[in-house]
PDB file of N, CA and C in Angstrom:
ATOM      1  N   MET A   1     124.696-109.267 -22.735  1.00  0.00           N
ATOM      2  CA  MET A   1     126.056-109.422 -22.225  1.00  0.00           C
ATOM      3  C   MET A   1     126.062-110.481 -21.135  1.00  0.00           C
ATOM      4  N   GLY A   2     127.130-111.234 -21.109  1.00  0.00           N
ATOM      5  CA  GLY A   2     127.328-112.214 -20.055  1.00  0.00           C
ATOM      6  C   GLY A   2     128.414-111.756 -19.101  1.00  0.00           C
ATOM      7  N   LYS A   3     128.385-112.297 -17.912  1.00  0.00           N
ATOM      8  CA  LYS A   3     129.374-111.946 -16.896  1.00  0.00           C
ATOM      9  C   LYS A   3     130.332-113.112 -16.731  1.00  0.00           C
ATOM     10  N   TYR A   4     131.626-112.786 -16.652  1.00  0.00           N
ATOM     11  CA  TYR A   4     132.678-113.790 -16.563  1.00  0.00           C
ATOM     12  C   TYR A   4     133.673-113.416 -15.472  1.00  0.00           C
ATOM     13  N   LEU A   5     134.207-114.445 -14.836  1.00  0.00           N
ATOM     14  CA  LEU A   5     135.286-114.284 -13.865  1.00  0.00           C
ATOM     15  C   LEU A   5     136.529-114.917 -14.470  1.00  0.00           C
ATOM     16  N   PHE A   6     137.591-114.130 -14.580  1.00  0.00           N
ATOM     17  CA  PHE A   6     138.881-114.656 -15.010  1.00  0.00           C
ATOM     18  C   PHE A   6     139.774-114.747 -13.784  1.00  0.00           C
ATOM     19  N   GLU A   7     140.360-115.918 -13.571  1.00  0.00           N
ATOM     20  CA  GLU A   7     141.354-116.106 -12.522  1.00  0.00           C
ATOM     21  C   GLU A   7     142.702-116.138 -13.221  1.00  0.00           C
ATOM     22  N   ALA A   8     143.525-115.120 -12.982  1.00  0.00           N
ATOM     23  CA  ALA A   8     144.815-115.007 -13.659  1.00  0.00           C
ATOM     24  C   ALA A   8     145.955-115.494 -12.772  1.00  0.00           C
ATOM     25  N   ARG A   9     146.870-116.219 -13.408  1.00  0.00           N
ATOM     26  CA  ARG A   9     148.074-116.700 -12.728  1.00  0.00           C
ATOM     27  C   ARG A   9     149.269-116.232 -13.551  1.00  0.00           C
ATOM     28  N   TYR A  10     150.126-115.428 -12.948  1.00  0.00           N
ATOM     29  CA  TYR A  10     151.287-114.895 -13.657  1.00  0.00           C
ATOM     30  C   TYR A  10     152.445-115.877 -13.649  1.00  0.00           C
ATOM     31  N   THR A  11     153.174-115.913 -14.754  1.00  0.00           N
ATOM     32  CA  THR A  11     154.453-116.611 -14.772  1.00  0.00           C
ATOM     33  C   THR A  11     155.442-115.717 -14.026  1.00  0.00           C
ATOM     34  N   ALA A  12     156.672-116.200 -13.813  1.00  0.00           N
ATOM     35  CA  ALA A  12     157.689-115.379 -13.159  1.00  0.00           C
ATOM     36  C   ALA A  12     157.925-114.100 -13.959  1.00  0.00           C
ATOM     37  N   GLU A  13     157.971-114.221 -15.273  1.00  0.00           N
ATOM     38  CA  GLU A  13     158.181-113.039 -16.120  1.00  0.00           C
ATOM     39  C   GLU A  13     156.985-112.088 -16.046  1.00  0.00           C
ATOM     40  N   GLY A  14     155.798-112.646 -16.002  1.00  0.00           N
ATOM     41  CA  GLY A  14     154.605-111.817 -15.881  1.00  0.00           C
ATOM     42  C   GLY A  14     154.578-111.054 -14.568  1.00  0.00           C
ATOM     43  N   ALA A  15     154.973-111.723 -13.479  1.00  0.00           N
ATOM     44  CA  ALA A  15     155.026-111.059 -12.171  1.00  0.00           C
ATOM     45  C   ALA A  15     156.065-109.940 -12.174  1.00  0.00           C
ATOM     46  N   LYS A  16     157.188-110.170 -12.836  1.00  0.00           N
ATOM     47  CA  LYS A  16     158.214-109.118 -12.940  1.00  0.00           C
ATOM     48  C   LYS A  16     157.674-107.909 -13.693  1.00  0.00           C
ATOM     49  N   ALA A  17     156.907-108.165 -14.736  1.00  0.00           N
ATOM     50  CA  ALA A  17     156.332-107.068 -15.526  1.00  0.00           C
ATOM     51  C   ALA A  17     155.325-106.273 -14.708  1.00  0.00           C
ATOM     52  N   VAL A  18     154.504-106.966 -13.910  1.00  0.00           N
ATOM     53  CA  VAL A  18     153.548-106.259 -13.047  1.00  0.00           C
ATOM     54  C   VAL A  18     154.304-105.431 -12.017  1.00  0.00           C
ATOM     55  N   ALA A  19     155.351-106.008 -11.432  1.00  0.00           N
ATOM     56  CA  ALA A  19     156.147-105.284 -10.433  1.00  0.00           C
ATOM     57  C   ALA A  19     156.779-104.035 -11.038  1.00  0.00           C
ATOM     58  N   LYS A  20     157.166-104.114 -12.308  1.00  0.00           N
ATOM     59  CA  LYS A  20     157.809-102.977 -12.969  1.00  0.00           C
ATOM     60  C   LYS A  20     156.816-101.869 -13.306  1.00  0.00           C
ATOM     61  N   SER A  21     155.645-102.256 -13.877  1.00  0.00           N
ATOM     62  CA  SER A  21     154.705-101.225 -14.342  1.00  0.00           C
ATOM     63  C   SER A  21     153.621-100.883 -13.336  1.00  0.00           C
ATOM     64  N   GLY A  22     153.386-101.762 -12.359  1.00  0.00           N
ATOM     65  CA  GLY A  22     152.403-101.483 -11.317  1.00  0.00           C
ATOM     66  C   GLY A  22     151.036-102.076 -11.596  1.00  0.00           C
ATOM     67  N   GLY A  23     150.273-102.182 -10.522  1.00  0.00           N
ATOM     68  CA  GLY A  23     148.949-102.778 -10.592  1.00  0.00           C
ATOM     69  C   GLY A  23     147.939-101.957 -11.372  1.00  0.00           C
ATOM     70  N   SER A  24     147.986-100.645 -11.223  1.00  0.00           N
ATOM     71  CA  SER A  24     147.036 -99.786 -11.939  1.00  0.00           C
ATOM     72  C   SER A  24     147.231 -99.885 -13.442  1.00  0.00           C
ATOM     73  N   ALA A  25     148.483 -99.963 -13.863  1.00  0.00           N
ATOM     74  CA  ALA A  25     148.772-100.097 -15.297  1.00  0.00           C
ATOM     75  C   ALA A  25     148.223-101.419 -15.826  1.00  0.00           C
ATOM     76  N   ARG A  26     148.333-102.479 -15.049  1.00  0.00           N
ATOM     77  CA  ARG A  26     147.815-103.780 -15.469  1.00  0.00           C
ATOM     78  C   ARG A  26     146.304-103.725 -15.590  1.00  0.00           C
ATOM     79  N   ARG A  27     145.636-103.095 -14.595  1.00  0.00           N
ATOM     80  CA  ARG A  27     144.173-102.954 -14.656  1.00  0.00           C
ATOM     81  C   ARG A  27     143.760-102.180 -15.906  1.00  0.00           C
ATOM     82  N   GLU A  28     144.468-101.099 -16.223  1.00  0.00           N
ATOM     83  CA  GLU A  28     144.146-100.302 -17.413  1.00  0.00           C
ATOM     84  C   GLU A  28     144.335-101.113 -18.697  1.00  0.00           C
ATOM     85  N   ALA A  29     145.404-101.916 -18.750  1.00  0.00           N
ATOM     86  CA  ALA A  29     145.654-102.741 -19.938  1.00  0.00           C
ATOM     87  C   ALA A  29     144.550-103.786 -20.111  1.00  0.00           C
ATOM     88  N   VAL A  30     144.113-104.371 -19.010  1.00  0.00           N
ATOM     89  CA  VAL A  30     143.038-105.369 -19.074  1.00  0.00           C
ATOM     90  C   VAL A  30     141.735-104.706 -19.502  1.00  0.00           C
ATOM     91  N   ALA A  31     141.428-103.540 -18.953  1.00  0.00           N
ATOM     92  CA  ALA A  31     140.204-102.822 -19.329  1.00  0.00           C
ATOM     93  C   ALA A  31     140.201-102.514 -20.822  1.00  0.00           C
ATOM     94  N   LYS A  32     141.352-102.115 -21.353  1.00  0.00           N
ATOM     95  CA  LYS A  32     141.459-101.803 -22.781  1.00  0.00           C
ATOM     96  C   LYS A  32     141.252-103.073 -23.623  1.00  0.00           C
ATOM     97  N   ALA A  33     141.825-104.187 -23.196  1.00  0.00           N
ATOM     98  CA  ALA A  33     141.655-105.449 -23.926  1.00  0.00           C
ATOM     99  C   ALA A  33     140.196-105.882 -23.922  1.00  0.00           C
ATOM    100  N   ILE A  34     139.550-105.777 -22.772  1.00  0.00           N
ATOM    101  CA  ILE A  34     138.136-106.147 -22.659  1.00  0.00           C
ATOM    102  C   ILE A  34     137.283-105.258 -23.565  1.00  0.00           C
ATOM    103  N   ALA A  35     137.561-103.964 -23.555  1.00  0.00           N
ATOM    104  CA  ALA A  35     136.814-103.027 -24.399  1.00  0.00           C
ATOM    105  C   ALA A  35     137.000-103.342 -25.883  1.00  0.00           C
ATOM    106  N   SER A  36     138.169-103.858 -26.256  1.00  0.00           N
ATOM    107  CA  SER A  36     138.446-104.144 -27.672  1.00  0.00           C
ATOM    108  C   SER A  36     137.552-105.241 -28.245  1.00  0.00           C
ATOM    109  N   VAL A  37     136.937-106.046 -27.383  1.00  0.00           N
ATOM    110  CA  VAL A  37     135.986-107.066 -27.854  1.00  0.00           C
ATOM    111  C   VAL A  37     134.547-106.701 -27.481  1.00  0.00           C
ATOM    112  N   GLY A  38     134.341-105.434 -27.136  1.00  0.00           N
ATOM    113  CA  GLY A  38     132.993-104.953 -26.843  1.00  0.00           C
ATOM    114  C   GLY A  38     132.532-105.180 -25.424  1.00  0.00           C
ATOM    115  N   GLY A  39     133.480-105.445 -24.503  1.00  0.00           N
ATOM    116  CA  GLY A  39     133.128-105.704 -23.116  1.00  0.00           C
ATOM    117  C   GLY A  39     133.458-104.558 -22.191  1.00  0.00           C
ATOM    118  N   LYS A  40     133.213-104.799 -20.902  1.00  0.00           N
ATOM    119  CA  LYS A  40     133.463-103.787 -19.881  1.00  0.00           C
ATOM    120  C   LYS A  40     134.040-104.463 -18.640  1.00  0.00           C
ATOM    121  N   LEU A  41     135.094-103.876 -18.109  1.00  0.00           N
ATOM    122  CA  LEU A  41     135.699-104.357 -16.874  1.00  0.00           C
ATOM    123  C   LEU A  41     134.834-103.931 -15.699  1.00  0.00           C
ATOM    124  N   GLU A  42     134.414-104.892 -14.875  1.00  0.00           N
ATOM    125  CA  GLU A  42     133.638-104.567 -13.676  1.00  0.00           C
ATOM    126  C   GLU A  42     134.558-104.402 -12.473  1.00  0.00           C
ATOM    127  N   SER A  43     135.459-105.370 -12.271  1.00  0.00           N
ATOM    128  CA  SER A  43     136.385-105.253 -11.144  1.00  0.00           C
ATOM    129  C   SER A  43     137.666-106.027 -11.430  1.00  0.00           C
ATOM    130  N   PHE A  44     138.736-105.565 -10.817  1.00  0.00           N
ATOM    131  CA  PHE A  44     140.055-106.182 -10.961  1.00  0.00           C
ATOM    132  C   PHE A  44     140.697-106.157  -9.586  1.00  0.00           C
ATOM    133  N   HIS A  45     141.051-107.340  -9.078  1.00  0.00           N
ATOM    134  CA  HIS A  45     141.655-107.437  -7.751  1.00  0.00           C
ATOM    135  C   HIS A  45     142.849-108.371  -7.782  1.00  0.00           C
ATOM    136  N   PHE A  46     143.962-107.910  -7.229  1.00  0.00           N
ATOM    137  CA  PHE A  46     145.101-108.790  -7.020  1.00  0.00           C
ATOM    138  C   PHE A  46     144.844-109.599  -5.756  1.00  0.00           C
ATOM    139  N   ALA A  47     145.484-110.779  -5.656  1.00  0.00           N
ATOM    140  CA  ALA A  47     145.224-111.662  -4.520  1.00  0.00           C
ATOM    141  C   ALA A  47     146.494-112.407  -4.129  1.00  0.00           C
ATOM    142  N   PHE A  48     146.484-112.916  -2.920  1.00  0.00           N
ATOM    143  CA  PHE A  48     147.536-113.814  -2.450  1.00  0.00           C
ATOM    144  C   PHE A  48     147.141-115.232  -2.815  1.00  0.00           C
ATOM    145  N   GLY A  49     148.118-116.131  -2.875  1.00  0.00           N
ATOM    146  CA  GLY A  49     147.809-117.548  -3.053  1.00  0.00           C
ATOM    147  C   GLY A  49     147.977-118.020  -4.473  1.00  0.00           C
ATOM    148  N   ASP A  50     147.231-119.054  -4.820  1.00  0.00           N
ATOM    149  CA  ASP A  50     147.338-119.707  -6.112  1.00  0.00           C
ATOM    150  C   ASP A  50     146.931-118.794  -7.266  1.00  0.00           C
ATOM    151  N   VAL A  51     145.965-117.937  -7.037  1.00  0.00           N
ATOM    152  CA  VAL A  51     145.480-117.019  -8.070  1.00  0.00           C
ATOM    153  C   VAL A  51     146.054-115.644  -7.795  1.00  0.00           C
ATOM    154  N   ASP A  52     146.643-115.034  -8.841  1.00  0.00           N
ATOM    155  CA  ASP A  52     147.278-113.722  -8.683  1.00  0.00           C
ATOM    156  C   ASP A  52     146.312-112.563  -8.862  1.00  0.00           C
ATOM    157  N   ALA A  53     145.280-112.753  -9.690  1.00  0.00           N
ATOM    158  CA  ALA A  53     144.309-111.681  -9.908  1.00  0.00           C
ATOM    159  C   ALA A  53     142.950-112.276 -10.254  1.00  0.00           C
ATOM    160  N   TYR A  54     141.912-111.625  -9.749  1.00  0.00           N
ATOM    161  CA  TYR A  54     140.531-111.968 -10.074  1.00  0.00           C
ATOM    162  C   TYR A  54     139.961-110.801 -10.872  1.00  0.00           C
ATOM    163  N   VAL A  55     139.412-111.106 -12.045  1.00  0.00           N
ATOM    164  CA  VAL A  55     138.905-110.075 -12.942  1.00  0.00           C
ATOM    165  C   VAL A  55     137.471-110.444 -13.322  1.00  0.00           C
ATOM    166  N   ILE A  56     136.538-109.555 -13.029  1.00  0.00           N
ATOM    167  CA  ILE A  56     135.138-109.775 -13.400  1.00  0.00           C
ATOM    168  C   ILE A  56     134.797-108.808 -14.517  1.00  0.00           C
ATOM    169  N   VAL A  57     134.230-109.368 -15.600  1.00  0.00           N
ATOM    170  CA  VAL A  57     133.957-108.560 -16.785  1.00  0.00           C
ATOM    171  C   VAL A  57     132.581-108.885 -17.352  1.00  0.00           C
ATOM    172  N   ASP A  58     132.054-107.940 -18.116  1.00  0.00           N
ATOM    173  CA  ASP A  58     130.874-108.164 -18.944  1.00  0.00           C
ATOM    174  C   ASP A  58     131.381-108.297 -20.372  1.00  0.00           C
ATOM    175  N   LEU A  59     131.000-109.377 -21.043  1.00  0.00           N
ATOM    176  CA  LEU A  59     131.410-109.613 -22.422  1.00  0.00           C
ATOM    177  C   LEU A  59     130.191-109.969 -23.257  1.00  0.00           C
ATOM    178  N   PRO A  60     130.249-109.683 -24.560  1.00  0.00           N
ATOM    179  CA  PRO A  60     129.092-109.940 -25.415  1.00  0.00           C
ATOM    180  C   PRO A  60     128.677-111.407 -25.489  1.00  0.00           C
ATOM    181  N   ASP A  61     129.662-112.332 -25.425  1.00  0.00           N
ATOM    182  CA  ASP A  61     129.329-113.740 -25.623  1.00  0.00           C
ATOM    183  C   ASP A  61     130.513-114.626 -25.249  1.00  0.00           C
ATOM    184  N   ASN A  62     130.278-115.947 -25.315  1.00  0.00           N
ATOM    185  CA  ASN A  62     131.329-116.915 -24.991  1.00  0.00           C
ATOM    186  C   ASN A  62     132.506-116.846 -25.950  1.00  0.00           C
ATOM    187  N   VAL A  63     132.246-116.502 -27.205  1.00  0.00           N
ATOM    188  CA  VAL A  63     133.324-116.386 -28.187  1.00  0.00           C
ATOM    189  C   VAL A  63     134.291-115.281 -27.771  1.00  0.00           C
ATOM    190  N   SER A  64     133.764-114.168 -27.305  1.00  0.00           N
ATOM    191  CA  SER A  64     134.619-113.070 -26.834  1.00  0.00           C
ATOM    192  C   SER A  64     135.413-113.486 -25.607  1.00  0.00           C
ATOM    193  N   ALA A  65     134.781-114.236 -24.706  1.00  0.00           N
ATOM    194  CA  ALA A  65     135.472-114.725 -23.515  1.00  0.00           C
ATOM    195  C   ALA A  65     136.597-115.679 -23.906  1.00  0.00           C
ATOM    196  N   ALA A  66     136.322-116.563 -24.860  1.00  0.00           N
ATOM    197  CA  ALA A  66     137.348-117.490 -25.325  1.00  0.00           C
ATOM    198  C   ALA A  66     138.499-116.745 -25.988  1.00  0.00           C
ATOM    199  N   ALA A  67     138.189-115.719 -26.761  1.00  0.00           N
ATOM    200  CA  ALA A  67     139.230-114.916 -27.410  1.00  0.00           C
ATOM    201  C   ALA A  67     140.123-114.249 -26.370  1.00  0.00           C
ATOM    202  N   MET A  68     139.513-113.746 -25.298  1.00  0.00           N
ATOM    203  CA  MET A  68     140.307-113.125 -24.228  1.00  0.00           C
ATOM    204  C   MET A  68     141.222-114.157 -23.580  1.00  0.00           C
ATOM    205  N   ALA A  69     140.687-115.329 -23.259  1.00  0.00           N
ATOM    206  CA  ALA A  69     141.488-116.366 -22.622  1.00  0.00           C
ATOM    207  C   ALA A  69     142.639-116.798 -23.523  1.00  0.00           C
ATOM    208  N   LEU A  70     142.385-116.900 -24.821  1.00  0.00           N
ATOM    209  CA  LEU A  70     143.446-117.260 -25.761  1.00  0.00           C
ATOM    210  C   LEU A  70     144.533-116.195 -25.813  1.00  0.00           C
ATOM    211  N   ALA A  71     144.121-114.931 -25.830  1.00  0.00           N
ATOM    212  CA  ALA A  71     145.099-113.845 -25.875  1.00  0.00           C
ATOM    213  C   ALA A  71     145.989-113.868 -24.638  1.00  0.00           C
ATOM    214  N   VAL A  72     145.386-114.098 -23.480  1.00  0.00           N
ATOM    215  CA  VAL A  72     146.154-114.169 -22.233  1.00  0.00           C
ATOM    216  C   VAL A  72     147.131-115.335 -22.287  1.00  0.00           C
ATOM    217  N   GLY A  73     146.650-116.501 -22.668  1.00  0.00           N
ATOM    218  CA  GLY A  73     147.497-117.684 -22.713  1.00  0.00           C
ATOM    219  C   GLY A  73     148.628-117.575 -23.721  1.00  0.00           C
ATOM    220  N   GLN A  74     148.333-116.998 -24.881  1.00  0.00           N
ATOM    221  CA  GLN A  74     149.344-116.864 -25.925  1.00  0.00           C
ATOM    222  C   GLN A  74     150.453-115.896 -25.553  1.00  0.00           C
ATOM    223  N   SER A  75     150.186-115.021 -24.603  1.00  0.00           N
ATOM    224  CA  SER A  75     151.205-114.041 -24.208  1.00  0.00           C
ATOM    225  C   SER A  75     152.395-114.705 -23.532  1.00  0.00           C
ATOM    226  N   GLY A  76     152.155-115.854 -22.895  1.00  0.00           N
ATOM    227  CA  GLY A  76     153.218-116.530 -22.169  1.00  0.00           C
ATOM    228  C   GLY A  76     153.547-115.881 -20.832  1.00  0.00           C
ATOM    229  N   MET A  77     152.869-114.795 -20.496  1.00  0.00           N
ATOM    230  CA  MET A  77     153.133-114.070 -19.259  1.00  0.00           C
ATOM    231  C   MET A  77     152.157-114.441 -18.149  1.00  0.00           C
ATOM    232  N   SER A  78     151.064-115.077 -18.540  1.00  0.00           N
ATOM    233  CA  SER A  78     150.062-115.492 -17.559  1.00  0.00           C
ATOM    234  C   SER A  78     149.146-116.533 -18.185  1.00  0.00           C
ATOM    235  N   SER A  79     148.350-117.145 -17.341  1.00  0.00           N
ATOM    236  CA  SER A  79     147.302-118.041 -17.805  1.00  0.00           C
ATOM    237  C   SER A  79     146.021-117.619 -17.108  1.00  0.00           C
ATOM    238  N   ALA A  80     144.899-118.017 -17.681  1.00  0.00           N
ATOM    239  CA  ALA A  80     143.621-117.621 -17.095  1.00  0.00           C
ATOM    240  C   ALA A  80     142.656-118.790 -17.090  1.00  0.00           C
ATOM    241  N   LYS A  81     141.940-118.914 -16.012  1.00  0.00           N
ATOM    242  CA  LYS A  81     140.798-119.825 -15.921  1.00  0.00           C
ATOM    243  C   LYS A  81     139.569-118.952 -16.083  1.00  0.00           C
ATOM    244  N   THR A  82     138.651-119.357 -16.936  1.00  0.00           N
ATOM    245  CA  THR A  82     137.450-118.579 -17.202  1.00  0.00           C
ATOM    246  C   THR A  82     136.247-119.261 -16.575  1.00  0.00           C
ATOM    247  N   VAL A  83     135.489-118.507 -15.790  1.00  0.00           N
ATOM    248  CA  VAL A  83     134.282-119.014 -15.146  1.00  0.00           C
ATOM    249  C   VAL A  83     133.099-118.184 -15.639  1.00  0.00           C
ATOM    250  N   VAL A  84     132.090-118.863 -16.176  1.00  0.00           N
ATOM    251  CA  VAL A  84     130.865-118.176 -16.594  1.00  0.00           C
ATOM    252  C   VAL A  84     130.024-117.950 -15.344  1.00  0.00           C
ATOM    253  N   LEU A  85     129.607-116.714 -15.126  1.00  0.00           N
ATOM    254  CA  LEU A  85     128.799-116.375 -13.956  1.00  0.00           C
ATOM    255  C   LEU A  85     127.337-116.219 -14.356  1.00  0.00           C
ATOM    256  N   LEU A  86     126.458-116.698 -13.504  1.00  0.00           N
ATOM    257  CA  LEU A  86     125.019-116.610 -13.747  1.00  0.00           C
ATOM    258  C   LEU A  86     124.364-115.690 -12.731  1.00  0.00           C
ATOM    259  N   THR A  87     123.348-114.971 -13.173  1.00  0.00           N
ATOM    260  CA  THR A  87     122.568-114.160 -12.255  1.00  0.00           C
ATOM    261  C   THR A  87     121.598-115.065 -11.495  1.00  0.00           C
ATOM    262  N   PRO A  88     121.058-114.603 -10.379  1.00  0.00           N
ATOM    263  CA  PRO A  88     120.033-115.395  -9.696  1.00  0.00           C
ATOM    264  C   PRO A  88     118.831-115.680 -10.599  1.00  0.00           C
ATOM    265  N   GLU A  89     118.477-114.742 -11.456  1.00  0.00           N
ATOM    266  CA  GLU A  89     117.349-114.944 -12.366  1.00  0.00           C
ATOM    267  C   GLU A  89     117.656-116.033 -13.397  1.00  0.00           C
ATOM    268  N   GLU A  90     118.892-116.088 -13.871  1.00  0.00           N
ATOM    269  CA  GLU A  90     119.269-117.157 -14.789  1.00  0.00           C
ATOM    270  C   GLU A  90     119.218-118.516 -14.090  1.00  0.00           C
ATOM    271  N   MET A  91     119.612-118.545 -12.824  1.00  0.00           N
ATOM    272  CA  MET A  91     119.517-119.797 -12.068  1.00  0.00           C
ATOM    273  C   MET A  91     118.052-120.184 -11.863  1.00  0.00           C
ATOM    274  N   ASP A  92     117.184-119.185 -11.612  1.00  0.00           N
ATOM    275  CA  ASP A  92     115.747-119.459 -11.503  1.00  0.00           C
ATOM    276  C   ASP A  92     115.241-120.123 -12.781  1.00  0.00           C
ATOM    277  N   ALA A  93     115.642-119.598 -13.937  1.00  0.00           N
ATOM    278  CA  ALA A  93     115.220-120.162 -15.220  1.00  0.00           C
ATOM    279  C   ALA A  93     115.752-121.588 -15.376  1.00  0.00           C
ATOM    280  N   ALA A  94     116.970-121.832 -14.933  1.00  0.00           N
ATOM    281  CA  ALA A  94     117.553-123.177 -15.029  1.00  0.00           C
ATOM    282  C   ALA A  94     116.767-124.181 -14.193  1.00  0.00           C
ATOM    283  N   THR A  95     116.285-123.745 -13.033  1.00  0.00           N
ATOM    284  CA  THR A  95     115.543-124.668 -12.166  1.00  0.00           C
ATOM    285  C   THR A  95     114.199-125.064 -12.766  1.00  0.00           C
ATOM    286  N   LYS A  96     113.718-124.295 -13.726  1.00  0.00           N
ATOM    287  CA  LYS A  96     112.421-124.567 -14.344  1.00  0.00           C
ATOM    288  C   LYS A  96     112.544-125.460 -15.582  1.00  0.00           C
ATOM    289  N   LYS A  97     113.752-125.769 -16.012  1.00  0.00           N
ATOM    290  CA  LYS A  97     113.970-126.637 -17.171  1.00  0.00           C
ATOM    291  C   LYS A  97     113.716-128.088 -16.779  1.00  0.00           C
ATOM    292  N   THR A  98     113.036-128.812 -17.637  1.00  0.00           N
ATOM    293  CA  THR A  98     112.811-130.237 -17.426  1.00  0.00           C
ATOM    294  C   THR A  98     113.903-130.995 -18.167  1.00  0.00           C
ATOM    295  N   ILE A  99     114.620-131.832 -17.434  1.00  0.00           N
ATOM    296  CA  ILE A  99     115.739-132.574 -18.002  1.00  0.00           C
ATOM    297  C   ILE A  99     115.455-134.068 -17.921  1.00  0.00           C
ATOM    298  N   THR A 100     115.671-134.768 -19.016  1.00  0.00           N
ATOM    299  CA  THR A 100     115.606-136.224 -19.039  1.00  0.00           C
ATOM    300  C   THR A 100     117.036-136.708 -18.864  1.00  0.00           C
ATOM    301  N   TYR A 101     117.320-137.290 -17.707  1.00  0.00           N
ATOM    302  CA  TYR A 101     118.695-137.686 -17.380  1.00  0.00           C
ATOM    303  C   TYR A 101     118.707-139.060 -16.750  1.00  0.00           C
ATOM    304  N   ARG A 102     119.625-139.900 -17.201  1.00  0.00           N
ATOM    305  CA  ARG A 102     119.812-141.217 -16.613  1.00  0.00           C
ATOM    306  C   ARG A 102     121.227-141.245 -16.034  1.00  0.00           C
ATOM    307  N   PRO A 103     121.344-141.380 -14.706  1.00  0.00           N
ATOM    308  CA  PRO A 103     122.668-141.410 -14.107  1.00  0.00           C
ATOM    309  C   PRO A 103     123.449-142.664 -14.507  1.00  0.00           C
ATOM    310  N   PRO A 104     124.771-142.608 -14.459  1.00  0.00           N
ATOM    311  CA  PRO A 104     125.576-143.790 -14.776  1.00  0.00           C
ATOM    312  C   PRO A 104     125.170-144.957 -13.881  1.00  0.00           C
ATOM    313  N   GLY A 105     125.121-146.144 -14.466  1.00  0.00           N
ATOM    314  CA  GLY A 105     124.805-147.345 -13.702  1.00  0.00           C
ATOM    315  C   GLY A 105     123.328-147.612 -13.509  1.00  0.00           C
ATOM    316  N   SER A 106     122.471-146.741 -14.016  1.00  0.00           N
ATOM    317  CA  SER A 106     121.033-146.991 -13.822  1.00  0.00           C
ATOM    318  C   SER A 106     120.390-147.516 -15.083  1.00  0.00           C
TER     319      SER A 106
END
């Protein structure tokens, strides 16, 4: 399983729907959607500012994450930015990879 951060931004209609049904109902709906693709909701937090909600989930793969982002976007009630999260151990493995890279202009 991979870990993903979704940054959700509600449209005006989406915000009205959250105001009507409440934050707990939204968290439950998201947990159910995540479970439908074999994932698990780790945390759900509403926020002030540009991002309305931060959602951290475990999902089987990038395809499942993309499917979730598409479902959110197609609803027209919100949009989501998806961030793939890495564990410290995955970053350790990345630092051990040998890369042949030529920067632009060299």
